Amino acid sequence: MSRWRSVKARRLLAALLRIGWEVAWQSGSHRRLRRPGWPNYTFAFHDNDEVGPGLLAQIAKKTGIEPEDL
């Protein structure tokens, strides 16, 4: 069983901002996030989109987010 559960994109973005990511720029629903020591990450979800466990695991590898952060 996955340690990730589905969450709304709004909640995921809020968690990323809490752990140190910041929005560098935004165009529509695409946001470029940056954090010192990490490559930039493009967050391309609408606020009400549901992000599933598999995609969350992939995002975690690129951003350092943990299930407890959500």
N, C-alpha and C. Protein backbone atom coordinates (compact mmCIF):
# COMPACT_ATOMS: atom_id res chain seq x y z
N MET A 1 0.84 -1.18 0.00
CA MET A 1 0.00 0.00 0.00
C MET A 1 0.88 1.25 0.00
N SER A 2 0.47 2.23 -0.76
CA SER A 2 1.23 3.48 -0.87
C SER A 2 1.13 4.29 0.42
N ARG A 3 2.19 4.98 0.74
CA ARG A 3 2.13 5.86 1.91
C ARG A 3 1.54 7.20 1.54
N TRP A 4 1.21 7.38 0.27
CA TRP A 4 0.61 8.62 -0.21
C TRP A 4 -0.89 8.44 -0.37
N ARG A 5 -1.65 9.50 -0.17
CA ARG A 5 -3.09 9.49 -0.43
C ARG A 5 -3.40 10.65 -1.38
N SER A 6 -4.51 10.57 -2.05
CA SER A 6 -4.89 11.65 -2.98
C SER A 6 -5.15 12.94 -2.21
N VAL A 7 -4.74 14.05 -2.80
CA VAL A 7 -5.01 15.37 -2.21
C VAL A 7 -5.36 16.34 -3.33
N LYS A 8 -6.01 17.42 -2.97
CA LYS A 8 -6.29 18.50 -3.92
C LYS A 8 -4.99 19.25 -4.20
N ALA A 9 -4.87 19.74 -5.41
CA ALA A 9 -3.66 20.47 -5.80
C ALA A 9 -3.43 21.69 -4.92
N ARG A 10 -4.49 22.34 -4.49
CA ARG A 10 -4.39 23.51 -3.61
C ARG A 10 -3.64 23.15 -2.33
N ARG A 11 -3.97 21.98 -1.77
CA ARG A 11 -3.33 21.54 -0.52
C ARG A 11 -1.86 21.16 -0.76
N LEU A 12 -1.60 20.54 -1.89
CA LEU A 12 -0.22 20.18 -2.23
C LEU A 12 0.64 21.42 -2.40
N LEU A 13 0.13 22.41 -3.11
CA LEU A 13 0.89 23.65 -3.30
C LEU A 13 1.15 24.33 -1.96
N ALA A 14 0.16 24.37 -1.09
CA ALA A 14 0.34 24.99 0.23
C ALA A 14 1.44 24.26 1.01
N ALA A 15 1.47 22.94 0.93
CA ALA A 15 2.50 22.17 1.62
C ALA A 15 3.88 22.45 1.05
N LEU A 16 3.98 22.56 -0.27
CA LEU A 16 5.26 22.88 -0.89
C LEU A 16 5.76 24.26 -0.45
N LEU A 17 4.86 25.21 -0.36
CA LEU A 17 5.24 26.55 0.09
C LEU A 17 5.70 26.53 1.55
N ARG A 18 5.06 25.70 2.37
CA ARG A 18 5.46 25.59 3.79
C ARG A 18 6.85 25.01 3.97
N ILE A 19 7.26 24.10 3.06
CA ILE A 19 8.58 23.49 3.24
C ILE A 19 9.69 24.27 2.54
N GLY A 20 9.37 25.46 2.02
CA GLY A 20 10.43 26.32 1.51
C GLY A 20 10.40 26.63 0.03
N TRP A 21 9.48 26.05 -0.73
CA TRP A 21 9.37 26.40 -2.14
C TRP A 21 8.68 27.74 -2.26
N GLU A 22 9.00 28.48 -3.31
CA GLU A 22 8.32 29.75 -3.56
C GLU A 22 7.97 29.83 -5.04
N VAL A 23 6.94 30.58 -5.35
CA VAL A 23 6.50 30.74 -6.73
C VAL A 23 7.39 31.80 -7.39
N ALA A 24 8.13 31.38 -8.42
CA ALA A 24 9.00 32.30 -9.15
C ALA A 24 8.18 33.08 -10.16
N TRP A 25 7.27 32.39 -10.86
CA TRP A 25 6.35 33.06 -11.78
C TRP A 25 5.16 32.16 -12.03
N GLN A 26 4.10 32.75 -12.56
CA GLN A 26 2.88 32.01 -12.83
C GLN A 26 2.29 32.47 -14.16
N SER A 27 1.81 31.52 -14.94
CA SER A 27 1.11 31.79 -16.17
C SER A 27 -0.09 30.85 -16.23
N GLY A 28 -1.27 31.39 -15.93
CA GLY A 28 -2.45 30.53 -15.85
C GLY A 28 -2.32 29.59 -14.67
N SER A 29 -2.52 28.29 -14.91
CA SER A 29 -2.41 27.32 -13.83
C SER A 29 -0.98 26.80 -13.68
N HIS A 30 -0.06 27.21 -14.55
CA HIS A 30 1.33 26.77 -14.47
C HIS A 30 2.11 27.71 -13.55
N ARG A 31 2.72 27.12 -12.55
CA ARG A 31 3.56 27.89 -11.63
C ARG A 31 4.96 27.30 -11.64
N ARG A 32 5.97 28.14 -11.75
CA ARG A 32 7.35 27.68 -11.65
C ARG A 32 7.78 27.90 -10.22
N LEU A 33 8.12 26.82 -9.54
CA LEU A 33 8.54 26.89 -8.14
C LEU A 33 10.06 26.80 -8.07
N ARG A 34 10.62 27.50 -7.09
CA ARG A 34 12.07 27.41 -6.88
C ARG A 34 12.35 27.27 -5.39
N ARG A 35 13.48 26.63 -5.12
CA ARG A 35 13.94 26.44 -3.75
C ARG A 35 15.45 26.27 -3.82
N PRO A 36 16.18 26.97 -2.99
CA PRO A 36 17.65 26.85 -3.02
C PRO A 36 18.08 25.39 -2.84
N GLY A 37 19.02 24.98 -3.67
CA GLY A 37 19.55 23.62 -3.57
C GLY A 37 18.75 22.58 -4.35
N TRP A 38 17.66 22.97 -4.99
CA TRP A 38 16.82 22.06 -5.75
C TRP A 38 16.63 22.61 -7.15
N PRO A 39 16.46 21.71 -8.15
CA PRO A 39 16.11 22.22 -9.48
C PRO A 39 14.70 22.81 -9.46
N ASN A 40 14.44 23.78 -10.31
CA ASN A 40 13.09 24.36 -10.40
C ASN A 40 12.08 23.28 -10.72
N TYR A 41 10.84 23.48 -10.26
CA TYR A 41 9.78 22.51 -10.50
C TYR A 41 8.56 23.25 -11.05
N THR A 42 8.00 22.75 -12.14
CA THR A 42 6.80 23.35 -12.71
C THR A 42 5.58 22.65 -12.15
N PHE A 43 4.76 23.40 -11.46
CA PHE A 43 3.52 22.91 -10.84
C PHE A 43 2.39 23.31 -11.77
N ALA A 44 1.79 22.33 -12.47
CA ALA A 44 0.83 22.63 -13.53
C ALA A 44 -0.55 22.05 -13.23
N PHE A 45 -1.10 22.38 -12.09
CA PHE A 45 -2.41 21.87 -11.69
C PHE A 45 -3.35 23.03 -11.38
N HIS A 46 -4.62 22.83 -11.66
CA HIS A 46 -5.64 23.76 -11.19
C HIS A 46 -5.90 23.45 -9.72
N ASP A 47 -6.32 24.44 -8.95
CA ASP A 47 -6.49 24.27 -7.50
C ASP A 47 -7.37 23.09 -7.12
N ASN A 48 -8.43 22.83 -7.86
CA ASN A 48 -9.36 21.75 -7.49
C ASN A 48 -9.01 20.40 -8.10
N ASP A 49 -7.92 20.30 -8.85
CA ASP A 49 -7.51 19.01 -9.40
C ASP A 49 -7.13 18.07 -8.27
N GLU A 50 -7.45 16.80 -8.45
CA GLU A 50 -7.07 15.76 -7.49
C GLU A 50 -5.75 15.17 -7.97
N VAL A 51 -4.76 15.11 -7.08
CA VAL A 51 -3.45 14.55 -7.39
C VAL A 51 -3.38 13.20 -6.69
N GLY A 52 -3.22 12.13 -7.47
CA GLY A 52 -3.24 10.77 -6.94
C GLY A 52 -1.93 10.35 -6.30
N PRO A 53 -1.96 9.20 -5.63
CA PRO A 53 -0.78 8.71 -4.90
C PRO A 53 0.45 8.49 -5.78
N GLY A 54 0.27 7.93 -6.97
CA GLY A 54 1.42 7.68 -7.84
C GLY A 54 2.10 8.96 -8.27
N LEU A 55 1.32 9.94 -8.66
CA LEU A 55 1.88 11.23 -9.07
C LEU A 55 2.49 11.95 -7.87
N LEU A 56 1.89 11.83 -6.71
CA LEU A 56 2.47 12.45 -5.51
C LEU A 56 3.85 11.87 -5.21
N ALA A 57 4.00 10.56 -5.38
CA ALA A 57 5.30 9.93 -5.14
C ALA A 57 6.35 10.49 -6.10
N GLN A 58 5.97 10.70 -7.36
CA GLN A 58 6.90 11.28 -8.33
C GLN A 58 7.25 12.72 -7.98
N ILE A 59 6.25 13.48 -7.56
CA ILE A 59 6.49 14.87 -7.15
C ILE A 59 7.41 14.92 -5.94
N ALA A 60 7.23 13.99 -5.01
CA ALA A 60 8.05 13.95 -3.80
C ALA A 60 9.52 13.76 -4.13
N LYS A 61 9.83 12.93 -5.12
CA LYS A 61 11.22 12.71 -5.50
C LYS A 61 11.87 13.99 -6.02
N LYS A 62 11.07 14.84 -6.66
CA LYS A 62 11.61 16.06 -7.26
C LYS A 62 11.57 17.26 -6.33
N THR A 63 10.76 17.18 -5.25
CA THR A 63 10.59 18.36 -4.39
C THR A 63 10.97 18.13 -2.93
N GLY A 64 11.11 16.88 -2.51
CA GLY A 64 11.47 16.60 -1.12
C GLY A 64 10.30 16.61 -0.15
N ILE A 65 9.07 16.68 -0.66
CA ILE A 65 7.91 16.69 0.22
C ILE A 65 7.68 15.29 0.80
N GLU A 66 7.19 15.23 2.01
CA GLU A 66 6.89 13.97 2.70
C GLU A 66 5.41 13.90 2.99
N PRO A 67 4.85 12.70 3.16
CA PRO A 67 3.41 12.58 3.46
C PRO A 67 2.98 13.40 4.69
N GLU A 68 3.87 13.52 5.66
CA GLU A 68 3.54 14.28 6.89
C GLU A 68 3.38 15.77 6.61
N ASP A 69 3.98 16.25 5.51
CA ASP A 69 3.89 17.67 5.16
C ASP A 69 2.52 18.06 4.66
N LEU A 70 1.76 17.07 4.20
CA LEU A 70 0.43 17.37 3.66
C LEU A 70 -0.55 17.50 4.79
